[in-house]
PDB file of N, CA and C in Angstrom:
ATOM      1  N   MET A   1       7.311  22.241   4.907  1.00  0.00           N
ATOM      2  CA  MET A   1       5.923  22.155   5.296  1.00  0.00           C
ATOM      3  C   MET A   1       4.994  22.189   4.087  1.00  0.00           C
ATOM      4  N   ARG A   2       5.403  22.741   2.975  1.00  0.00           N
ATOM      5  CA  ARG A   2       4.554  22.778   1.782  1.00  0.00           C
ATOM      6  C   ARG A   2       4.283  21.362   1.264  1.00  0.00           C
ATOM      7  N   VAL A   3       5.231  20.471   1.501  1.00  0.00           N
ATOM      8  CA  VAL A   3       5.035  19.077   1.093  1.00  0.00           C
ATOM      9  C   VAL A   3       3.871  18.481   1.880  1.00  0.00           C
ATOM     10  N   LYS A   4       3.782  18.792   3.159  1.00  0.00           N
ATOM     11  CA  LYS A   4       2.682  18.271   3.977  1.00  0.00           C
ATOM     12  C   LYS A   4       1.339  18.801   3.487  1.00  0.00           C
ATOM     13  N   ALA A   5       1.311  20.073   3.099  1.00  0.00           N
ATOM     14  CA  ALA A   5       0.061  20.644   2.578  1.00  0.00           C
ATOM     15  C   ALA A   5      -0.322  19.964   1.268  1.00  0.00           C
ATOM     16  N   LEU A   6       0.667  19.678   0.431  1.00  0.00           N
ATOM     17  CA  LEU A   6       0.398  18.986  -0.835  1.00  0.00           C
ATOM     18  C   LEU A   6      -0.117  17.575  -0.568  1.00  0.00           C
ATOM     19  N   ILE A   7       0.476  16.893   0.385  1.00  0.00           N
ATOM     20  CA  ILE A   7       0.017  15.546   0.751  1.00  0.00           C
ATOM     21  C   ILE A   7      -1.425  15.611   1.239  1.00  0.00           C
ATOM     22  N   ALA A   8      -1.743  16.618   2.044  1.00  0.00           N
ATOM     23  CA  ALA A   8      -3.115  16.769   2.542  1.00  0.00           C
ATOM     24  C   ALA A   8      -4.084  16.976   1.390  1.00  0.00           C
ATOM     25  N   LEU A   9      -3.716  17.821   0.454  1.00  0.00           N
ATOM     26  CA  LEU A   9      -4.575  18.081  -0.700  1.00  0.00           C
ATOM     27  C   LEU A   9      -4.775  16.824  -1.536  1.00  0.00           C
ATOM     28  N   LEU A  10      -3.709  16.091  -1.802  1.00  0.00           N
ATOM     29  CA  LEU A  10      -3.811  14.860  -2.580  1.00  0.00           C
ATOM     30  C   LEU A  10      -4.658  13.816  -1.856  1.00  0.00           C
ATOM     31  N   THR A  11      -4.545  13.773  -0.536  1.00  0.00           N
ATOM     32  CA  THR A  11      -5.342  12.839   0.251  1.00  0.00           C
ATOM     33  C   THR A  11      -6.827  13.149   0.119  1.00  0.00           C
ATOM     34  N   VAL A  12      -7.167  14.432   0.182  1.00  0.00           N
ATOM     35  CA  VAL A  12      -8.570  14.838   0.049  1.00  0.00           C
ATOM     36  C   VAL A  12      -9.098  14.494  -1.334  1.00  0.00           C
ATOM     37  N   VAL A  13      -8.316  14.790  -2.367  1.00  0.00           N
ATOM     38  CA  VAL A  13      -8.744  14.504  -3.741  1.00  0.00           C
ATOM     39  C   VAL A  13      -8.933  13.001  -3.944  1.00  0.00           C
ATOM     40  N   ALA A  14      -7.995  12.201  -3.477  1.00  0.00           N
ATOM     41  CA  ALA A  14      -8.084  10.750  -3.647  1.00  0.00           C
ATOM     42  C   ALA A  14      -9.267  10.181  -2.880  1.00  0.00           C
ATOM     43  N   SER A  15      -9.491  10.644  -1.653  1.00  0.00           N
ATOM     44  CA  SER A  15     -10.597  10.106  -0.867  1.00  0.00           C
ATOM     45  C   SER A  15     -11.940  10.489  -1.467  1.00  0.00           C
ATOM     46  N   THR A  16     -12.024  11.670  -2.068  1.00  0.00           N
ATOM     47  CA  THR A  16     -13.268  12.087  -2.725  1.00  0.00           C
ATOM     48  C   THR A  16     -13.572  11.188  -3.915  1.00  0.00           C
ATOM     49  N   ALA A  17     -12.568  10.879  -4.713  1.00  0.00           N
ATOM     50  CA  ALA A  17     -12.765  10.005  -5.871  1.00  0.00           C
ATOM     51  C   ALA A  17     -13.148   8.598  -5.433  1.00  0.00           C
ATOM     52  N   LEU A  18     -12.485   8.071  -4.420  1.00  0.00           N
ATOM     53  CA  LEU A  18     -12.800   6.730  -3.928  1.00  0.00           C
ATOM     54  C   LEU A  18     -14.188   6.680  -3.315  1.00  0.00           C
ATOM     55  N   SER A  19     -14.570   7.736  -2.636  1.00  0.00           N
ATOM     56  CA  SER A  19     -15.882   7.788  -2.007  1.00  0.00           C
ATOM     57  C   SER A  19     -16.992   7.717  -3.058  1.00  0.00           C
ATOM     58  N   ALA A  20     -16.836   8.448  -4.149  1.00  0.00           N
ATOM     59  CA  ALA A  20     -17.845   8.425  -5.218  1.00  0.00           C
ATOM     60  C   ALA A  20     -17.946   7.035  -5.833  1.00  0.00           C
ATOM     61  N   THR A  21     -16.813   6.376  -6.036  1.00  0.00           N
ATOM     62  CA  THR A  21     -16.805   5.030  -6.608  1.00  0.00           C
ATOM     63  C   THR A  21     -17.471   4.036  -5.668  1.00  0.00           C
ATOM     64  N   SER A  22     -17.139   4.105  -4.387  1.00  0.00           N
ATOM     65  CA  SER A  22     -17.700   3.144  -3.444  1.00  0.00           C
ATOM     66  C   SER A  22     -19.192   3.391  -3.212  1.00  0.00           C
ATOM     67  N   ARG A  23     -19.648   4.654  -3.323  1.00  0.00           N
ATOM     68  CA  ARG A  23     -21.081   4.923  -3.190  1.00  0.00           C
ATOM     69  C   ARG A  23     -21.870   4.253  -4.304  1.00  0.00           C
ATOM     70  N   SER A  24     -21.381   4.324  -5.548  1.00  0.00           N
ATOM     71  CA  SER A  24     -22.117   3.701  -6.650  1.00  0.00           C
ATOM     72  C   SER A  24     -22.074   2.180  -6.535  1.00  0.00           C
ATOM     73  N   ALA A  25     -20.966   1.624  -6.078  1.00  0.00           N
ATOM     74  CA  ALA A  25     -20.876   0.177  -5.889  1.00  0.00           C
ATOM     75  C   ALA A  25     -21.798  -0.271  -4.753  1.00  0.00           C
ATOM     76  N   ALA A  26     -21.886   0.542  -3.700  1.00  0.00           N
ATOM     77  CA  ALA A  26     -22.739   0.205  -2.565  1.00  0.00           C
ATOM     78  C   ALA A  26     -24.199   0.171  -2.977  1.00  0.00           C
ATOM     79  N   LYS A  27     -24.608   1.095  -3.843  1.00  0.00           N
ATOM     80  CA  LYS A  27     -26.008   1.114  -4.268  1.00  0.00           C
ATOM     81  C   LYS A  27     -26.370  -0.169  -4.992  1.00  0.00           C
ATOM     82  N   GLY A  28     -25.469  -0.687  -5.839  1.00  0.00           N
ATOM     83  CA  GLY A  28     -25.720  -1.958  -6.523  1.00  0.00           C
ATOM     84  C   GLY A  28     -25.816  -3.104  -5.530  1.00  0.00           C
ATOM     85  N   GLY A  29     -24.941  -3.093  -4.536  1.00  0.00           N
ATOM     86  CA  GLY A  29     -24.958  -4.121  -3.507  1.00  0.00           C
ATOM     87  C   GLY A  29     -26.194  -4.035  -2.635  1.00  0.00           C
ATOM     88  N   GLU A  30     -26.624  -2.815  -2.327  1.00  0.00           N
ATOM     89  CA  GLU A  30     -27.830  -2.637  -1.518  1.00  0.00           C
ATOM     90  C   GLU A  30     -29.056  -3.166  -2.250  1.00  0.00           C
ATOM     91  N   ALA A  31     -29.139  -2.881  -3.535  1.00  0.00           N
ATOM     92  CA  ALA A  31     -30.287  -3.349  -4.320  1.00  0.00           C
ATOM     93  C   ALA A  31     -30.307  -4.876  -4.386  1.00  0.00           C
ATOM     94  N   ARG A  32     -29.140  -5.461  -4.587  1.00  0.00           N
ATOM     95  CA  ARG A  32     -29.038  -6.929  -4.658  1.00  0.00           C
ATOM     96  C   ARG A  32     -29.428  -7.555  -3.320  1.00  0.00           C
ATOM     97  N   THR A  33     -28.957  -6.952  -2.232  1.00  0.00           N
ATOM     98  CA  THR A  33     -29.282  -7.455  -0.900  1.00  0.00           C
ATOM     99  C   THR A  33     -30.776  -7.323  -0.615  1.00  0.00           C
ATOM    100  N   ALA A  34     -31.358  -6.189  -1.007  1.00  0.00           N
ATOM    101  CA  ALA A  34     -32.797  -5.985  -0.794  1.00  0.00           C
ATOM    102  C   ALA A  34     -33.618  -7.020  -1.560  1.00  0.00           C
ATOM    103  N   ARG A  35     -33.214  -7.314  -2.792  1.00  0.00           N
ATOM    104  CA  ARG A  35     -33.930  -8.327  -3.585  1.00  0.00           C
ATOM    105  C   ARG A  35     -33.829  -9.697  -2.916  1.00  0.00           C
ATOM    106  N   GLU A  36     -32.648 -10.034  -2.442  1.00  0.00           N
ATOM    107  CA  GLU A  36     -32.475 -11.337  -1.797  1.00  0.00           C
ATOM    108  C   GLU A  36     -33.295 -11.430  -0.511  1.00  0.00           C
ATOM    109  N   MET A  37     -33.285 -10.355   0.270  1.00  0.00           N
ATOM    110  CA  MET A  37     -34.052 -10.362   1.509  1.00  0.00           C
ATOM    111  C   MET A  37     -35.552 -10.481   1.211  1.00  0.00           C
ATOM    112  N   GLN A  38     -36.014  -9.786   0.205  1.00  0.00           N
ATOM    113  CA  GLN A  38     -37.420  -9.857  -0.193  1.00  0.00           C
ATOM    114  C   GLN A  38     -37.796 -11.290  -0.569  1.00  0.00           C
ATOM    115  N   ALA A  39     -36.909 -11.954  -1.282  1.00  0.00           N
ATOM    116  CA  ALA A  39     -37.176 -13.331  -1.717  1.00  0.00           C
ATOM    117  C   ALA A  39     -37.211 -14.299  -0.535  1.00  0.00           C
ATOM    118  N   LEU A  40     -36.480 -13.985   0.524  1.00  0.00           N
ATOM    119  CA  LEU A  40     -36.396 -14.879   1.681  1.00  0.00           C
ATOM    120  C   LEU A  40     -37.479 -14.637   2.727  1.00  0.00           C
ATOM    121  N   LYS A  41     -38.269 -13.600   2.584  1.00  0.00           N
ATOM    122  CA  LYS A  41     -39.279 -13.276   3.606  1.00  0.00           C
ATOM    123  C   LYS A  41     -40.269 -14.409   3.860  1.00  0.00           C
ATOM    124  N   ALA A  42     -40.525 -15.217   2.867  1.00  0.00           N
ATOM    125  CA  ALA A  42     -41.479 -16.318   3.033  1.00  0.00           C
ATOM    126  C   ALA A  42     -40.879 -17.520   3.759  1.00  0.00           C
ATOM    127  N   ASP A  43     -39.573 -17.534   3.936  1.00  0.00           N
ATOM    128  CA  ASP A  43     -38.889 -18.665   4.570  1.00  0.00           C
ATOM    129  C   ASP A  43     -38.146 -18.174   5.823  1.00  0.00           C
ATOM    130  N   PRO A  44     -38.781 -18.215   6.992  1.00  0.00           N
ATOM    131  CA  PRO A  44     -38.195 -17.649   8.214  1.00  0.00           C
ATOM    132  C   PRO A  44     -36.803 -18.196   8.556  1.00  0.00           C
ATOM    133  N   LEU A  45     -36.578 -19.472   8.355  1.00  0.00           N
ATOM    134  CA  LEU A  45     -35.279 -20.052   8.689  1.00  0.00           C
ATOM    135  C   LEU A  45     -34.175 -19.491   7.791  1.00  0.00           C
ATOM    136  N   ARG A  46     -34.423 -19.469   6.493  1.00  0.00           N
ATOM    137  CA  ARG A  46     -33.413 -18.914   5.561  1.00  0.00           C
ATOM    138  C   ARG A  46     -33.232 -17.412   5.788  1.00  0.00           C
ATOM    139  N   LEU A  47     -34.313 -16.696   6.101  1.00  0.00           N
ATOM    140  CA  LEU A  47     -34.222 -15.261   6.383  1.00  0.00           C
ATOM    141  C   LEU A  47     -33.364 -15.026   7.623  1.00  0.00           C
ATOM    142  N   ARG A  48     -33.567 -15.834   8.661  1.00  0.00           N
ATOM    143  CA  ARG A  48     -32.767 -15.708   9.880  1.00  0.00           C
ATOM    144  C   ARG A  48     -31.288 -15.935   9.591  1.00  0.00           C
ATOM    145  N   ASN A  49     -30.975 -16.964   8.830  1.00  0.00           N
ATOM    146  CA  ASN A  49     -29.579 -17.243   8.478  1.00  0.00           C
ATOM    147  C   ASN A  49     -28.978 -16.112   7.658  1.00  0.00           C
ATOM    148  N   PHE A  50     -29.776 -15.570   6.756  1.00  0.00           N
ATOM    149  CA  PHE A  50     -29.332 -14.449   5.924  1.00  0.00           C
ATOM    150  C   PHE A  50     -28.983 -13.241   6.799  1.00  0.00           C
ATOM    151  N   LEU A  51     -29.860 -12.914   7.736  1.00  0.00           N
ATOM    152  CA  LEU A  51     -29.635 -11.759   8.607  1.00  0.00           C
ATOM    153  C   LEU A  51     -28.479 -11.981   9.578  1.00  0.00           C
ATOM    154  N   ARG A  52     -28.331 -13.201  10.053  1.00  0.00           N
ATOM    155  CA  ARG A  52     -27.206 -13.487  10.962  1.00  0.00           C
ATOM    156  C   ARG A  52     -25.862 -13.347  10.270  1.00  0.00           C
ATOM    157  N   ALA A  53     -25.819 -13.593   8.970  1.00  0.00           N
ATOM    158  CA  ALA A  53     -24.558 -13.506   8.227  1.00  0.00           C
ATOM    159  C   ALA A  53     -24.181 -12.070   7.871  1.00  0.00           C
ATOM    160  N   MET A  54     -25.115 -11.134   8.048  1.00  0.00           N
ATOM    161  CA  MET A  54     -24.826  -9.738   7.697  1.00  0.00           C
ATOM    162  C   MET A  54     -23.832  -9.135   8.685  1.00  0.00           C
ATOM    163  N   PRO A  55     -23.017  -8.188   8.216  1.00  0.00           N
ATOM    164  CA  PRO A  55     -22.048  -7.556   9.122  1.00  0.00           C
ATOM    165  C   PRO A  55     -22.751  -6.774  10.219  1.00  0.00           C
ATOM    166  N   LYS A  56     -22.153  -6.773  11.386  1.00  0.00           N
ATOM    167  CA  LYS A  56     -22.669  -6.020  12.520  1.00  0.00           C
ATOM    168  C   LYS A  56     -21.765  -4.814  12.750  1.00  0.00           C
ATOM    169  N   GLY A  57     -22.089  -3.994  13.711  1.00  0.00           N
ATOM    170  CA  GLY A  57     -21.335  -2.767  13.969  1.00  0.00           C
ATOM    171  C   GLY A  57     -19.840  -2.968  14.091  1.00  0.00           C
ATOM    172  N   GLY A  58     -19.407  -3.990  14.798  1.00  0.00           N
ATOM    173  CA  GLY A  58     -17.981  -4.234  14.979  1.00  0.00           C
ATOM    174  C   GLY A  58     -17.278  -4.583  13.671  1.00  0.00           C
ATOM    175  N   ASP A  59     -18.014  -5.189  12.752  1.00  0.00           N
ATOM    176  CA  ASP A  59     -17.430  -5.553  11.466  1.00  0.00           C
ATOM    177  C   ASP A  59     -17.253  -4.334  10.566  1.00  0.00           C
ATOM    178  N   LEU A  60     -18.041  -3.299  10.809  1.00  0.00           N
ATOM    179  CA  LEU A  60     -18.012  -2.118   9.965  1.00  0.00           C
ATOM    180  C   LEU A  60     -17.117  -1.016  10.518  1.00  0.00           C
ATOM    181  N   HIS A  61     -16.672  -1.168  11.756  1.00  0.00           N
ATOM    182  CA  HIS A  61     -15.927  -0.109  12.436  1.00  0.00           C
ATOM    183  C   HIS A  61     -14.478  -0.544  12.643  1.00  0.00           C
ATOM    184  N   ASN A  62     -13.547   0.336  12.322  1.00  0.00           N
ATOM    185  CA  ASN A  62     -12.154   0.026  12.611  1.00  0.00           C
ATOM    186  C   ASN A  62     -11.404   1.296  12.964  1.00  0.00           C
ATOM    187  N   HIS A  63     -10.242   1.122  13.547  1.00  0.00           N
ATOM    188  CA  HIS A  63      -9.381   2.245  13.907  1.00  0.00           C
ATOM    189  C   HIS A  63      -8.094   2.140  13.104  1.00  0.00           C
ATOM    190  N   LEU A  64      -7.707   3.242  12.530  1.00  0.00           N
ATOM    191  CA  LEU A  64      -6.431   3.278  11.823  1.00  0.00           C
ATOM    192  C   LEU A  64      -5.397   3.794  12.814  1.00  0.00           C
ATOM    193  N   SER A  65      -4.907   2.910  13.612  1.00  0.00           N
ATOM    194  CA  SER A  65      -4.002   3.336  14.667  1.00  0.00           C
ATOM    195  C   SER A  65      -2.769   3.985  14.039  1.00  0.00           C
ATOM    196  N   GLY A  66      -2.452   5.115  14.572  1.00  0.00           N
ATOM    197  CA  GLY A  66      -1.315   5.864  14.049  1.00  0.00           C
ATOM    198  C   GLY A  66      -1.679   6.777  12.899  1.00  0.00           C
ATOM    199  N   ALA A  67      -2.943   6.810  12.488  1.00  0.00           N
ATOM    200  CA  ALA A  67      -3.354   7.671  11.378  1.00  0.00           C
ATOM    201  C   ALA A  67      -3.274   9.137  11.803  1.00  0.00           C
ATOM    202  N   VAL A  68      -3.023   9.993  10.838  1.00  0.00           N
ATOM    203  CA  VAL A  68      -2.922  11.425  11.102  1.00  0.00           C
ATOM    204  C   VAL A  68      -4.306  12.046  10.982  1.00  0.00           C
ATOM    205  N   TYR A  69      -4.670  12.856  11.953  1.00  0.00           N
ATOM    206  CA  TYR A  69      -5.949  13.545  11.920  1.00  0.00           C
ATOM    207  C   TYR A  69      -5.930  14.637  10.853  1.00  0.00           C
ATOM    208  N   ALA A  70      -7.061  14.868  10.228  1.00  0.00           N
ATOM    209  CA  ALA A  70      -7.174  15.923   9.212  1.00  0.00           C
ATOM    210  C   ALA A  70      -6.792  17.280   9.803  1.00  0.00           C
ATOM    211  N   GLU A  71      -7.116  17.477  11.074  1.00  0.00           N
ATOM    212  CA  GLU A  71      -6.788  18.744  11.721  1.00  0.00           C
ATOM    213  C   GLU A  71      -5.285  19.005  11.724  1.00  0.00           C
ATOM    214  N   SER A  72      -4.505  17.939  11.805  1.00  0.00           N
ATOM    215  CA  SER A  72      -3.045  18.106  11.781  1.00  0.00           C
ATOM    216  C   SER A  72      -2.590  18.635  10.434  1.00  0.00           C
ATOM    217  N   TYR A  73      -3.154  18.080   9.349  1.00  0.00           N
ATOM    218  CA  TYR A  73      -2.804  18.572   8.014  1.00  0.00           C
ATOM    219  C   TYR A  73      -3.182  20.049   7.867  1.00  0.00           C
ATOM    220  N   LEU A  74      -4.356  20.393   8.361  1.00  0.00           N
ATOM    221  CA  LEU A  74      -4.798  21.781   8.268  1.00  0.00           C
ATOM    222  C   LEU A  74      -3.895  22.706   9.075  1.00  0.00           C
ATOM    223  N   GLN A  75      -3.479  22.249  10.250  1.00  0.00           N
ATOM    224  CA  GLN A  75      -2.599  23.070  11.081  1.00  0.00           C
ATOM    225  C   GLN A  75      -1.244  23.256  10.407  1.00  0.00           C
ATOM    226  N   TRP A  76      -0.703  22.196   9.814  1.00  0.00           N
ATOM    227  CA  TRP A  76       0.576  22.303   9.110  1.00  0.00           C
ATOM    228  C   TRP A  76       0.460  23.282   7.946  1.00  0.00           C
ATOM    229  N   ALA A  77      -0.630  23.222   7.225  1.00  0.00           N
ATOM    230  CA  ALA A  77      -0.840  24.141   6.106  1.00  0.00           C
ATOM    231  C   ALA A  77      -0.950  25.584   6.628  1.00  0.00           C
ATOM    232  N   ALA A  78      -1.687  25.788   7.708  1.00  0.00           N
ATOM    233  CA  ALA A  78      -1.837  27.113   8.288  1.00  0.00           C
ATOM    234  C   ALA A  78      -0.486  27.650   8.768  1.00  0.00           C
ATOM    235  N   ASP A  79       0.315  26.767   9.374  1.00  0.00           N
ATOM    236  CA  ASP A  79       1.639  27.163   9.855  1.00  0.00           C
ATOM    237  C   ASP A  79       2.522  27.624   8.699  1.00  0.00           C
ATOM    238  N   ASP A  80       2.304  27.039   7.512  1.00  0.00           N
ATOM    239  CA  ASP A  80       3.081  27.424   6.328  1.00  0.00           C
ATOM    240  C   ASP A  80       2.494  28.645   5.616  1.00  0.00           C
ATOM    241  N   GLY A  81       1.338  29.079   6.092  1.00  0.00           N
ATOM    242  CA  GLY A  81       0.691  30.221   5.446  1.00  0.00           C
ATOM    243  C   GLY A  81      -0.080  29.803   4.197  1.00  0.00           C
ATOM    244  N   ASP A  82      -0.321  28.510   4.024  1.00  0.00           N
ATOM    245  CA  ASP A  82      -1.079  28.039   2.868  1.00  0.00           C
ATOM    246  C   ASP A  82      -2.564  28.166   3.176  1.00  0.00           C
ATOM    247  N   CYS A  83      -3.346  28.290   2.130  1.00  0.00           N
ATOM    248  CA  CYS A  83      -4.789  28.391   2.284  1.00  0.00           C
ATOM    249  C   CYS A  83      -5.437  27.160   1.691  1.00  0.00           C
ATOM    250  N   ILE A  84      -6.318  26.515   2.436  1.00  0.00           N
ATOM    251  CA  ILE A  84      -7.020  25.339   1.941  1.00  0.00           C
ATOM    252  C   ILE A  84      -8.489  25.681   1.858  1.00  0.00           C
TER     253      ILE A  84
END
């Protein structure tokens, strides 16, 4: 069970590092998108096409079927007497 706790810890560390990287990349993308949208405001047809091409809720949402819930990792660690 200690292996499962170690896997949980490594997963948290890796996701934290990836999250920080993707946040900084997203800010650059958001700024670029805002500039493009600002430039298109004077042209309703191009603005409409621009907005239609943007991702919608379904494009941003997915399910990792079979993924392990964080609560399971915590329970395994607790069962082993590990502290997280």
